[in-house]
Every structure is written in C-alpha cells, then in structure tokens.
C-alpha cells in the first residue's frame, strides 16, 4: 500500500525542469529576419517572446533562457545586436538583462 501511495505522489507531482534551448529557439524563430534587418516586427515574434517570458517562472528557467539567447546571439550570423537588445521592450516584456553575447546570465 505504501508503494502505491508513493507512486501516486511521484506521478502527480509536477516535474521541475528548465526550459530547453530548443524551446527558446522555437519561441524566437519568427524573430530571426527582424533581428537581422529590422523593419516591421512580426506579431508571431512577440507572441513567442511573451510565451517564453511567461514560461520562465523560476530562476533556473530564466538563467536557461538567458544562456540560450546568449548562445543564439553568438551563433546566428547577421543578427543586429542593437535590435536584439531592444526586442523584449518592443514586445512589452521586461527582462533583467540585455540580449547580447557578453551577457552574464548568472547574475
């Protein structure tokens, strides 16, 4: 009986895990062309940014998203870092760091 109760508790408890870079990449994918050339901001881009912000509830999640964005800023060629830094604000989202390859995500 104790084993059954323990199993029910384990199955019913929400799993805690950080957001993955794959999830972050999916969220920012509609933003890539805008981040390279500017122009009109696609609504899907802001939807993805707001979704990521809403999903990143814990410190672990926020650090994971920060590190993924930092990595993306380094690896996606042609990104205008000034546009990237201003993107959250343009989407009505406040983040405590600048989206940049030099951001310290551990603060």
PDB file of N, CA and C in Angstrom:
ATOM      1  N   UNK A   1       0.825  -1.194   0.000  1.00  0.00           N
ATOM      2  CA  UNK A   1       0.000   0.000   0.000  1.00  0.00           C
ATOM      3  C   UNK A   1       0.876   1.268   0.000  1.00  0.00           C
ATOM      4  N   UNK A   2       1.947   1.290   0.792  1.00  0.00           N
ATOM      5  CA  UNK A   2       2.829   2.454   0.833  1.00  0.00           C
ATOM      6  C   UNK A   2       3.445   2.705  -0.536  1.00  0.00           C
ATOM      7  N   UNK A   3       3.800   1.624  -1.233  1.00  0.00           N
ATOM      8  CA  UNK A   3       4.388   1.774  -2.559  1.00  0.00           C
ATOM      9  C   UNK A   3       3.400   2.426  -3.524  1.00  0.00           C
ATOM     10  N   UNK A   4       2.147   2.035  -3.461  1.00  0.00           N
ATOM     11  CA  UNK A   4       1.119   2.606  -4.334  1.00  0.00           C
ATOM     12  C   UNK A   4       0.953   4.098  -4.048  1.00  0.00           C
ATOM     13  N   UNK A   5       0.915   4.471  -2.774  1.00  0.00           N
ATOM     14  CA  UNK A   5       0.773   5.879  -2.407  1.00  0.00           C
ATOM     15  C   UNK A   5       1.995   6.669  -2.890  1.00  0.00           C
ATOM     16  N   UNK A   6       3.182   6.117  -2.698  1.00  0.00           N
ATOM     17  CA  UNK A   6       4.404   6.779  -3.139  1.00  0.00           C
ATOM     18  C   UNK A   6       4.384   6.979  -4.654  1.00  0.00           C
ATOM     19  N   UNK A   7       3.999   5.931  -5.392  1.00  0.00           N
ATOM     20  CA  UNK A   7       3.937   6.045  -6.854  1.00  0.00           C
ATOM     21  C   UNK A   7       2.932   7.105  -7.292  1.00  0.00           C
ATOM     22  N   UNK A   8       1.794   7.166  -6.626  1.00  0.00           N
ATOM     23  CA  UNK A   8       0.790   8.180  -6.962  1.00  0.00           C
ATOM     24  C   UNK A   8       1.331   9.585  -6.717  1.00  0.00           C
ATOM     25  N   UNK A   9       2.059   9.756  -5.621  1.00  0.00           N
ATOM     26  CA  UNK A   9       2.650  11.062  -5.327  1.00  0.00           C
ATOM     27  C   UNK A   9       3.680  11.448  -6.369  1.00  0.00           C
ATOM     28  N   UNK A  10       4.528  10.505  -6.751  1.00  0.00           N
ATOM     29  CA  UNK A  10       5.564  10.783  -7.741  1.00  0.00           C
ATOM     30  C   UNK A  10       4.945  11.139  -9.088  1.00  0.00           C
ATOM     31  N   UNK A  11       3.926  10.414  -9.492  1.00  0.00           N
ATOM     32  CA  UNK A  11       3.272  10.668 -10.779  1.00  0.00           C
ATOM     33  C   UNK A  11       2.504  11.982 -10.747  1.00  0.00           C
ATOM     34  N   UNK A  12       1.893  12.319  -9.617  1.00  0.00           N
ATOM     35  CA  UNK A  12       1.065  13.513  -9.531  1.00  0.00           C
ATOM     36  C   UNK A  12       1.876  14.794  -9.359  1.00  0.00           C
ATOM     37  N   UNK A  13       3.102  14.707  -8.872  1.00  0.00           N
ATOM     38  CA  UNK A  13       3.911  15.899  -8.644  1.00  0.00           C
ATOM     39  C   UNK A  13       4.384  16.458  -9.981  1.00  0.00           C
ATOM     40  N   UNK A  14       4.288  17.772 -10.147  1.00  0.00           N
ATOM     41  CA  UNK A  14       4.799  18.353 -11.398  1.00  0.00           C
ATOM     42  C   UNK A  14       6.311  18.235 -11.448  1.00  0.00           C
ATOM     43  N   UNK A  15       6.806  17.951 -12.623  1.00  0.00           N
ATOM     44  CA  UNK A  15       8.247  17.853 -12.801  1.00  0.00           C
ATOM     45  C   UNK A  15       8.825  19.249 -12.951  1.00  0.00           C
ATOM     46  N   UNK A  16       9.926  19.477 -12.304  1.00  0.00           N
ATOM     47  CA  UNK A  16      10.594  20.764 -12.397  1.00  0.00           C
ATOM     48  C   UNK A  16      11.796  20.609 -13.324  1.00  0.00           C
ATOM     49  N   UNK A  17      11.791  21.349 -14.417  1.00  0.00           N
ATOM     50  CA  UNK A  17      12.918  21.300 -15.334  1.00  0.00           C
ATOM     51  C   UNK A  17      13.050  22.649 -16.023  1.00  0.00           C
ATOM     52  N   UNK A  18      14.236  22.975 -16.348  1.00  0.00           N
ATOM     53  CA  UNK A  18      14.495  24.247 -17.016  1.00  0.00           C
ATOM     54  C   UNK A  18      14.019  24.170 -18.463  1.00  0.00           C
ATOM     55  N   UNK A  19      13.693  25.319 -18.973  1.00  0.00           N
ATOM     56  CA  UNK A  19      13.355  25.391 -20.387  1.00  0.00           C
ATOM     57  C   UNK A  19      14.586  25.009 -21.197  1.00  0.00           C
ATOM     58  N   UNK A  20      14.366  24.416 -22.330  1.00  0.00           N
ATOM     59  CA  UNK A  20      15.476  23.980 -23.175  1.00  0.00           C
ATOM     60  C   UNK A  20      15.771  25.025 -24.248  1.00  0.00           C
ATOM     61  N   UNK A  21      16.962  24.943 -24.815  1.00  0.00           N
ATOM     62  CA  UNK A  21      17.307  25.837 -25.920  1.00  0.00           C
ATOM     63  C   UNK A  21      16.420  25.564 -27.132  1.00  0.00           C
ATOM     64  N   UNK A  22      15.942  24.346 -27.270  1.00  0.00           N
ATOM     65  CA  UNK A  22      15.005  24.029 -28.349  1.00  0.00           C
ATOM     66  C   UNK A  22      13.712  24.819 -28.205  1.00  0.00           C
ATOM     67  N   UNK A  23      13.219  24.928 -26.973  1.00  0.00           N
ATOM     68  CA  UNK A  23      12.007  25.707 -26.724  1.00  0.00           C
ATOM     69  C   UNK A  23      12.267  27.194 -26.986  1.00  0.00           C
ATOM     70  N   UNK A  24      13.425  27.661 -26.584  1.00  0.00           N
ATOM     71  CA  UNK A  24      13.784  29.057 -26.814  1.00  0.00           C
ATOM     72  C   UNK A  24      13.906  29.315 -28.315  1.00  0.00           C
ATOM     73  N   UNK A  25      14.552  28.401 -29.034  1.00  0.00           N
ATOM     74  CA  UNK A  25      14.707  28.551 -30.485  1.00  0.00           C
ATOM     75  C   UNK A  25      13.348  28.612 -31.176  1.00  0.00           C
ATOM     76  N   UNK A  26      12.417  27.789 -30.740  1.00  0.00           N
ATOM     77  CA  UNK A  26      11.072  27.805 -31.310  1.00  0.00           C
ATOM     78  C   UNK A  26      10.404  29.153 -31.042  1.00  0.00           C
ATOM     79  N   UNK A  27      10.602  29.673 -29.831  1.00  0.00           N
ATOM     80  CA  UNK A  27       9.994  30.953 -29.472  1.00  0.00           C
ATOM     81  C   UNK A  27      10.531  32.122 -30.265  1.00  0.00           C
ATOM     82  N   UNK A  28      11.839  32.094 -30.550  1.00  0.00           N
ATOM     83  CA  UNK A  28      12.434  33.243 -31.255  1.00  0.00           C
ATOM     84  C   UNK A  28      12.504  33.065 -32.766  1.00  0.00           C
ATOM     85  N   UNK A  29      12.180  31.897 -33.259  1.00  0.00           N
ATOM     86  CA  UNK A  29      12.289  31.632 -34.705  1.00  0.00           C
ATOM     87  C   UNK A  29      11.568  32.685 -35.554  1.00  0.00           C
ATOM     88  N   UNK A  30      10.348  33.104 -35.188  1.00  0.00           N
ATOM     89  CA  UNK A  30       9.680  34.125 -36.011  1.00  0.00           C
ATOM     90  C   UNK A  30      10.367  35.494 -35.965  1.00  0.00           C
ATOM     91  N   UNK A  31      11.353  35.654 -35.085  1.00  0.00           N
ATOM     92  CA  UNK A  31      12.034  36.941 -34.917  1.00  0.00           C
ATOM     93  C   UNK A  31      13.317  37.056 -35.737  1.00  0.00           C
ATOM     94  N   UNK A  32      13.819  35.965 -36.273  1.00  0.00           N
ATOM     95  CA  UNK A  32      15.157  35.936 -36.860  1.00  0.00           C
ATOM     96  C   UNK A  32      15.333  36.976 -37.963  1.00  0.00           C
ATOM     97  N   UNK A  33      14.418  37.025 -38.924  1.00  0.00           N
ATOM     98  CA  UNK A  33      14.571  38.004 -40.013  1.00  0.00           C
ATOM     99  C   UNK A  33      14.527  39.428 -39.480  1.00  0.00           C
ATOM    100  N   UNK A  34      13.633  39.687 -38.526  1.00  0.00           N
ATOM    101  CA  UNK A  34      13.563  41.016 -37.917  1.00  0.00           C
ATOM    102  C   UNK A  34      14.878  41.361 -37.226  1.00  0.00           C
ATOM    103  N   UNK A  35      15.468  40.392 -36.527  1.00  0.00           N
ATOM    104  CA  UNK A  35      16.724  40.635 -35.814  1.00  0.00           C
ATOM    105  C   UNK A  35      17.887  40.918 -36.772  1.00  0.00           C
ATOM    106  N   UNK A  36      17.766  40.488 -38.007  1.00  0.00           N
ATOM    107  CA  UNK A  36      18.820  40.724 -38.990  1.00  0.00           C
ATOM    108  C   UNK A  36      18.635  42.042 -39.734  1.00  0.00           C
ATOM    109  N   UNK A  37      17.389  42.373 -40.069  1.00  0.00           N
ATOM    110  CA  UNK A  37      17.155  43.513 -40.959  1.00  0.00           C
ATOM    111  C   UNK A  37      16.303  44.623 -40.367  1.00  0.00           C
ATOM    112  N   UNK A  38      15.676  44.377 -39.229  1.00  0.00           N
ATOM    113  CA  UNK A  38      14.761  45.374 -38.671  1.00  0.00           C
ATOM    114  C   UNK A  38      13.470  45.385 -39.469  1.00  0.00           C
ATOM    115  N   UNK A  39      12.848  46.534 -39.582  1.00  0.00           N
ATOM    116  CA  UNK A  39      11.593  46.643 -40.323  1.00  0.00           C
ATOM    117  C   UNK A  39      10.403  46.354 -39.437  1.00  0.00           C
ATOM    118  N   UNK A  40       9.364  45.802 -40.047  1.00  0.00           N
ATOM    119  CA  UNK A  40       8.136  45.506 -39.311  1.00  0.00           C
ATOM    120  C   UNK A  40       8.354  44.311 -38.380  1.00  0.00           C
ATOM    121  N   UNK A  41       7.923  44.469 -37.154  1.00  0.00           N
ATOM    122  CA  UNK A  41       8.048  43.410 -36.151  1.00  0.00           C
ATOM    123  C   UNK A  41       6.890  42.430 -36.299  1.00  0.00           C
ATOM    124  N   UNK A  42       7.171  41.174 -36.662  1.00  0.00           N
ATOM    125  CA  UNK A  42       6.084  40.203 -36.840  1.00  0.00           C
ATOM    126  C   UNK A  42       5.364  39.924 -35.512  1.00  0.00           C
ATOM    127  N   UNK A  43       4.031  39.906 -35.530  1.00  0.00           N
ATOM    128  CA  UNK A  43       3.275  39.603 -34.309  1.00  0.00           C
ATOM    129  C   UNK A  43       3.652  38.243 -33.709  1.00  0.00           C
ATOM    130  N   UNK A  44       3.982  37.262 -34.576  1.00  0.00           N
ATOM    131  CA  UNK A  44       4.361  35.937 -34.087  1.00  0.00           C
ATOM    132  C   UNK A  44       5.645  36.005 -33.271  1.00  0.00           C
ATOM    133  N   UNK A  45       6.508  36.937 -33.587  1.00  0.00           N
ATOM    134  CA  UNK A  45       7.749  37.120 -32.848  1.00  0.00           C
ATOM    135  C   UNK A  45       7.427  37.508 -31.410  1.00  0.00           C
ATOM    136  N   UNK A  46       6.605  38.529 -31.244  1.00  0.00           N
ATOM    137  CA  UNK A  46       6.248  38.968 -29.888  1.00  0.00           C
ATOM    138  C   UNK A  46       5.450  37.902 -29.151  1.00  0.00           C
ATOM    139  N   UNK A  47       4.635  37.145 -29.871  1.00  0.00           N
ATOM    140  CA  UNK A  47       3.920  36.036 -29.231  1.00  0.00           C
ATOM    141  C   UNK A  47       4.920  35.055 -28.627  1.00  0.00           C
ATOM    142  N   UNK A  48       5.974  34.742 -29.378  1.00  0.00           N
ATOM    143  CA  UNK A  48       6.997  33.813 -28.901  1.00  0.00           C
ATOM    144  C   UNK A  48       7.773  34.380 -27.723  1.00  0.00           C
ATOM    145  N   UNK A  49       8.118  35.658 -27.782  1.00  0.00           N
ATOM    146  CA  UNK A  49       8.847  36.315 -26.697  1.00  0.00           C
ATOM    147  C   UNK A  49       8.002  36.332 -25.424  1.00  0.00           C
ATOM    148  N   UNK A  50       6.739  36.696 -25.557  1.00  0.00           N
ATOM    149  CA  UNK A  50       5.852  36.726 -24.379  1.00  0.00           C
ATOM    150  C   UNK A  50       5.640  35.326 -23.811  1.00  0.00           C
ATOM    151  N   UNK A  51       5.510  34.347 -24.692  1.00  0.00           N
ATOM    152  CA  UNK A  51       5.338  32.961 -24.246  1.00  0.00           C
ATOM    153  C   UNK A  51       6.554  32.484 -23.452  1.00  0.00           C
ATOM    154  N   UNK A  52       7.751  32.753 -23.968  1.00  0.00           N
ATOM    155  CA  UNK A  52       8.975  32.372 -23.251  1.00  0.00           C
ATOM    156  C   UNK A  52       9.040  33.059 -21.895  1.00  0.00           C
ATOM    157  N   UNK A  53       8.695  34.332 -21.867  1.00  0.00           N
ATOM    158  CA  UNK A  53       8.718  35.074 -20.615  1.00  0.00           C
ATOM    159  C   UNK A  53       7.733  34.476 -19.609  1.00  0.00           C
ATOM    160  N   UNK A  54       6.565  34.093 -20.079  1.00  0.00           N
ATOM    161  CA  UNK A  54       5.552  33.502 -19.195  1.00  0.00           C
ATOM    162  C   UNK A  54       5.959  32.115 -18.702  1.00  0.00           C
ATOM    163  N   UNK A  55       6.663  31.365 -19.533  1.00  0.00           N
ATOM    164  CA  UNK A  55       7.084  30.011 -19.157  1.00  0.00           C
ATOM    165  C   UNK A  55       8.294  30.012 -18.225  1.00  0.00           C
ATOM    166  N   UNK A  56       9.076  31.064 -18.258  1.00  0.00           N
ATOM    167  CA  UNK A  56      10.294  31.136 -17.442  1.00  0.00           C
ATOM    168  C   UNK A  56       9.944  31.691 -16.062  1.00  0.00           C
ATOM    169  N   UNK A  57       9.374  30.845 -15.228  1.00  0.00           N
ATOM    170  CA  UNK A  57       8.891  31.276 -13.917  1.00  0.00           C
ATOM    171  C   UNK A  57       9.969  31.244 -12.844  1.00  0.00           C
ATOM    172  N   UNK A  58      10.881  30.304 -12.936  1.00  0.00           N
ATOM    173  CA  UNK A  58      11.876  30.120 -11.876  1.00  0.00           C
ATOM    174  C   UNK A  58      13.208  30.751 -12.275  1.00  0.00           C
ATOM    175  N   UNK A  59      14.073  30.916 -11.291  1.00  0.00           N
ATOM    176  CA  UNK A  59      15.419  31.429 -11.557  1.00  0.00           C
ATOM    177  C   UNK A  59      16.155  30.502 -12.514  1.00  0.00           C
ATOM    178  N   UNK A  60      15.995  29.201 -12.328  1.00  0.00           N
ATOM    179  CA  UNK A  60      16.646  28.218 -13.200  1.00  0.00           C
ATOM    180  C   UNK A  60      16.162  28.401 -14.639  1.00  0.00           C
ATOM    181  N   UNK A  61      14.854  28.573 -14.818  1.00  0.00           N
ATOM    182  CA  UNK A  61      14.304  28.790 -16.159  1.00  0.00           C
ATOM    183  C   UNK A  61      14.837  30.080 -16.773  1.00  0.00           C
ATOM    184  N   UNK A  62      14.859  31.150 -15.999  1.00  0.00           N
ATOM    185  CA  UNK A  62      15.310  32.449 -16.522  1.00  0.00           C
ATOM    186  C   UNK A  62      16.784  32.402 -16.911  1.00  0.00           C
ATOM    187  N   UNK A  63      17.594  31.718 -16.105  1.00  0.00           N
ATOM    188  CA  UNK A  63      19.014  31.568 -16.453  1.00  0.00           C
ATOM    189  C   UNK A  63      19.172  30.727 -17.714  1.00  0.00           C
ATOM    190  N   UNK A  64      18.361  29.670 -17.833  1.00  0.00           N
ATOM    191  CA  UNK A  64      18.433  28.815 -19.021  1.00  0.00           C
ATOM    192  C   UNK A  64      18.070  29.607 -20.272  1.00  0.00           C
ATOM    193  N   UNK A  65      16.988  30.395 -20.201  1.00  0.00           N
ATOM    194  CA  UNK A  65      16.579  31.201 -21.348  1.00  0.00           C
ATOM    195  C   UNK A  65      17.667  32.215 -21.678  1.00  0.00           C
ATOM    196  N   UNK A  66      18.223  32.858 -20.660  1.00  0.00           N
ATOM    197  CA  UNK A  66      19.297  33.832 -20.875  1.00  0.00           C
ATOM    198  C   UNK A  66      20.475  33.183 -21.596  1.00  0.00           C
ATOM    199  N   UNK A  67      20.905  32.025 -21.127  1.00  0.00           N
ATOM    200  CA  UNK A  67      22.039  31.340 -21.760  1.00  0.00           C
ATOM    201  C   UNK A  67      21.727  30.926 -23.192  1.00  0.00           C
ATOM    202  N   UNK A  68      20.512  30.494 -23.435  1.00  0.00           N
ATOM    203  CA  UNK A  68      20.120  30.111 -24.799  1.00  0.00           C
ATOM    204  C   UNK A  68      20.101  31.328 -25.718  1.00  0.00           C
ATOM    205  N   UNK A  69      19.566  32.454 -25.228  1.00  0.00           N
ATOM    206  CA  UNK A  69      19.538  33.674 -26.033  1.00  0.00           C
ATOM    207  C   UNK A  69      20.947  34.180 -26.292  1.00  0.00           C
ATOM    208  N   UNK A  70      21.794  34.073 -25.290  1.00  0.00           N
ATOM    209  CA  UNK A  70      23.190  34.484 -25.434  1.00  0.00           C
ATOM    210  C   UNK A  70      23.876  33.636 -26.506  1.00  0.00           C
ATOM    211  N   UNK A  71      23.642  32.342 -26.457  1.00  0.00           N
ATOM    212  CA  UNK A  71      24.216  31.433 -27.437  1.00  0.00           C
ATOM    213  C   UNK A  71      23.678  31.735 -28.841  1.00  0.00           C
ATOM    214  N   UNK A  72      22.385  31.996 -28.938  1.00  0.00           N
ATOM    215  CA  UNK A  72      21.782  32.314 -30.233  1.00  0.00           C
ATOM    216  C   UNK A  72      22.364  33.607 -30.786  1.00  0.00           C
ATOM    217  N   UNK A  73      22.563  34.592 -29.914  1.00  0.00           N
ATOM    218  CA  UNK A  73      23.134  35.867 -30.362  1.00  0.00           C
ATOM    219  C   UNK A  73      24.538  35.672 -30.934  1.00  0.00           C
ATOM    220  N   UNK A  74      25.262  34.677 -30.426  1.00  0.00           N
ATOM    221  CA  UNK A  74      26.602  34.385 -30.937  1.00  0.00           C
ATOM    222  C   UNK A  74      26.563  33.583 -32.229  1.00  0.00           C
ATOM    223  N   UNK A  75      25.609  32.663 -32.319  1.00  0.00           N
ATOM    224  CA  UNK A  75      25.667  31.678 -33.397  1.00  0.00           C
ATOM    225  C   UNK A  75      24.880  32.029 -34.652  1.00  0.00           C
ATOM    226  N   UNK A  76      23.896  32.876 -34.557  1.00  0.00           N
ATOM    227  CA  UNK A  76      23.092  33.215 -35.737  1.00  0.00           C
ATOM    228  C   UNK A  76      23.759  34.397 -36.430  1.00  0.00           C
ATOM    229  N   UNK A  77      24.295  34.136 -37.608  1.00  0.00           N
ATOM    230  CA  UNK A  77      25.023  35.182 -38.316  1.00  0.00           C
ATOM    231  C   UNK A  77      24.087  36.273 -38.819  1.00  0.00           C
ATOM    232  N   UNK A  78      24.573  37.484 -38.742  1.00  0.00           N
ATOM    233  CA  UNK A  78      23.831  38.606 -39.288  1.00  0.00           C
ATOM    234  C   UNK A  78      22.886  39.287 -38.319  1.00  0.00           C
ATOM    235  N   UNK A  79      22.844  38.850 -37.073  1.00  0.00           N
ATOM    236  CA  UNK A  79      21.940  39.480 -36.116  1.00  0.00           C
ATOM    237  C   UNK A  79      22.486  40.855 -35.737  1.00  0.00           C
ATOM    238  N   UNK A  80      21.598  41.836 -35.758  1.00  0.00           N
ATOM    239  CA  UNK A  80      21.927  43.178 -35.301  1.00  0.00           C
ATOM    240  C   UNK A  80      21.719  43.186 -33.783  1.00  0.00           C
ATOM    241  N   UNK A  81      22.812  43.271 -33.035  1.00  0.00           N
ATOM    242  CA  UNK A  81      22.727  43.164 -31.574  1.00  0.00           C
ATOM    243  C   UNK A  81      21.949  44.315 -30.943  1.00  0.00           C
ATOM    244  N   UNK A  82      21.928  45.474 -31.574  1.00  0.00           N
ATOM    245  CA  UNK A  82      21.127  46.582 -31.050  1.00  0.00           C
ATOM    246  C   UNK A  82      19.636  46.277 -31.175  1.00  0.00           C
ATOM    247  N   UNK A  83      19.255  45.683 -32.286  1.00  0.00           N
ATOM    248  CA  UNK A  83      17.851  45.286 -32.466  1.00  0.00           C
ATOM    249  C   UNK A  83      17.507  44.191 -31.460  1.00  0.00           C
ATOM    250  N   UNK A  84      18.409  43.229 -31.288  1.00  0.00           N
ATOM    251  CA  UNK A  84      18.163  42.131 -30.343  1.00  0.00           C
ATOM    252  C   UNK A  84      17.992  42.655 -28.918  1.00  0.00           C
ATOM    253  N   UNK A  85      18.825  43.605 -28.526  1.00  0.00           N
ATOM    254  CA  UNK A  85      18.753  44.158 -27.173  1.00  0.00           C
ATOM    255  C   UNK A  85      17.422  44.851 -26.919  1.00  0.00           C
ATOM    256  N   UNK A  86      16.840  45.464 -27.954  1.00  0.00           N
ATOM    257  CA  UNK A  86      15.580  46.179 -27.795  1.00  0.00           C
ATOM    258  C   UNK A  86      14.337  45.342 -28.004  1.00  0.00           C
ATOM    259  N   UNK A  87      14.501  44.108 -28.446  1.00  0.00           N
ATOM    260  CA  UNK A  87      13.348  43.282 -28.793  1.00  0.00           C
ATOM    261  C   UNK A  87      12.382  43.047 -27.639  1.00  0.00           C
ATOM    262  N   UNK A  88      12.840  42.650 -26.458  1.00  0.00           N
ATOM    263  CA  UNK A  88      11.865  42.424 -25.382  1.00  0.00           C
ATOM    264  C   UNK A  88      10.981  43.651 -25.122  1.00  0.00           C
ATOM    265  N   UNK A  89      11.586  44.822 -25.059  1.00  0.00           N
ATOM    266  CA  UNK A  89      10.820  46.042 -24.822  1.00  0.00           C
ATOM    267  C   UNK A  89       9.805  46.315 -25.918  1.00  0.00           C
ATOM    268  N   UNK A  90      10.187  46.055 -27.168  1.00  0.00           N
ATOM    269  CA  UNK A  90       9.252  46.261 -28.281  1.00  0.00           C
ATOM    270  C   UNK A  90       8.057  45.320 -28.192  1.00  0.00           C
ATOM    271  N   UNK A  91       8.264  44.188 -27.515  1.00  0.00           N
ATOM    272  CA  UNK A  91       7.172  43.214 -27.348  1.00  0.00           C
ATOM    273  C   UNK A  91       6.451  43.389 -26.004  1.00  0.00           C
ATOM    274  N   UNK A  92       6.818  44.436 -25.262  1.00  0.00           N
ATOM    275  CA  UNK A  92       6.156  44.702 -23.989  1.00  0.00           C
ATOM    276  C   UNK A  92       6.589  43.780 -22.871  1.00  0.00           C
ATOM    277  N   UNK A  93       7.800  43.230 -22.997  1.00  0.00           N
ATOM    278  CA  UNK A  93       8.323  42.302 -21.997  1.00  0.00           C
ATOM    279  C   UNK A  93       9.551  42.938 -21.357  1.00  0.00           C
ATOM    280  N   UNK A  94       9.631  42.827 -20.040  1.00  0.00           N
ATOM    281  CA  UNK A  94      10.779  43.353 -19.331  1.00  0.00           C
ATOM    282  C   UNK A  94      11.654  42.192 -18.869  1.00  0.00           C
ATOM    283  N   UNK A  95      12.914  42.197 -19.303  1.00  0.00           N
ATOM    284  CA  UNK A  95      13.870  41.186 -18.839  1.00  0.00           C
ATOM    285  C   UNK A  95      15.027  41.914 -18.166  1.00  0.00           C
ATOM    286  N   UNK A  96      15.604  41.304 -17.134  1.00  0.00           N
ATOM    287  CA  UNK A  96      16.635  41.996 -16.355  1.00  0.00           C
ATOM    288  C   UNK A  96      18.035  41.935 -16.958  1.00  0.00           C
ATOM    289  N   UNK A  97      18.144  41.614 -18.234  1.00  0.00           N
ATOM    290  CA  UNK A  97      19.445  41.530 -18.882  1.00  0.00           C
ATOM    291  C   UNK A  97      19.315  41.949 -20.336  1.00  0.00           C
ATOM    292  N   UNK A  98      20.435  42.326 -20.903  1.00  0.00           N
ATOM    293  CA  UNK A  98      20.490  42.694 -22.312  1.00  0.00           C
ATOM    294  C   UNK A  98      20.765  41.433 -23.129  1.00  0.00           C
ATOM    295  N   UNK A  99      20.065  41.248 -24.226  1.00  0.00           N
ATOM    296  CA  UNK A  99      20.308  40.100 -25.089  1.00  0.00           C
ATOM    297  C   UNK A  99      21.577  40.401 -25.884  1.00  0.00           C
ATOM    298  N   UNK A 100      22.650  39.744 -25.478  1.00  0.00           N
ATOM    299  CA  UNK A 100      23.952  40.007 -26.058  1.00  0.00           C
ATOM    300  C   UNK A 100      24.878  38.823 -25.795  1.00  0.00           C
ATOM    301  N   UNK A 101      25.853  38.591 -26.672  1.00  0.00           N
ATOM    302  CA  UNK A 101      26.813  37.511 -26.420  1.00  0.00           C
ATOM    303  C   UNK A 101      27.647  37.732 -25.159  1.00  0.00           C
ATOM    304  N   UNK A 102      27.687  38.969 -24.651  1.00  0.00           N
ATOM    305  CA  UNK A 102      28.506  39.247 -23.468  1.00  0.00           C
ATOM    306  C   UNK A 102      27.717  39.269 -22.159  1.00  0.00           C
ATOM    307  N   UNK A 103      26.431  38.956 -22.210  1.00  0.00           N
ATOM    308  CA  UNK A 103      25.602  38.982 -21.010  1.00  0.00           C
ATOM    309  C   UNK A 103      26.049  37.941 -20.000  1.00  0.00           C
ATOM    310  N   UNK A 104      26.088  38.319 -18.730  1.00  0.00           N
ATOM    311  CA  UNK A 104      26.375  37.373 -17.651  1.00  0.00           C
ATOM    312  C   UNK A 104      25.035  36.860 -17.121  1.00  0.00           C
ATOM    313  N   UNK A 105      24.689  35.649 -17.453  1.00  0.00           N
ATOM    314  CA  UNK A 105      23.389  35.078 -17.088  1.00  0.00           C
ATOM    315  C   UNK A 105      23.355  34.572 -15.644  1.00  0.00           C
ATOM    316  N   UNK A 106      24.447  34.635 -14.950  1.00  0.00           N
ATOM    317  CA  UNK A 106      24.487  34.138 -13.567  1.00  0.00           C
ATOM    318  C   UNK A 106      24.148  35.210 -12.547  1.00  0.00           C
ATOM    319  N   UNK A 107      23.940  36.418 -12.987  1.00  0.00           N
ATOM    320  CA  UNK A 107      23.578  37.500 -12.064  1.00  0.00           C
ATOM    321  C   UNK A 107      22.112  37.506 -11.776  1.00  0.00           C
TER     322      UNK A 107
END
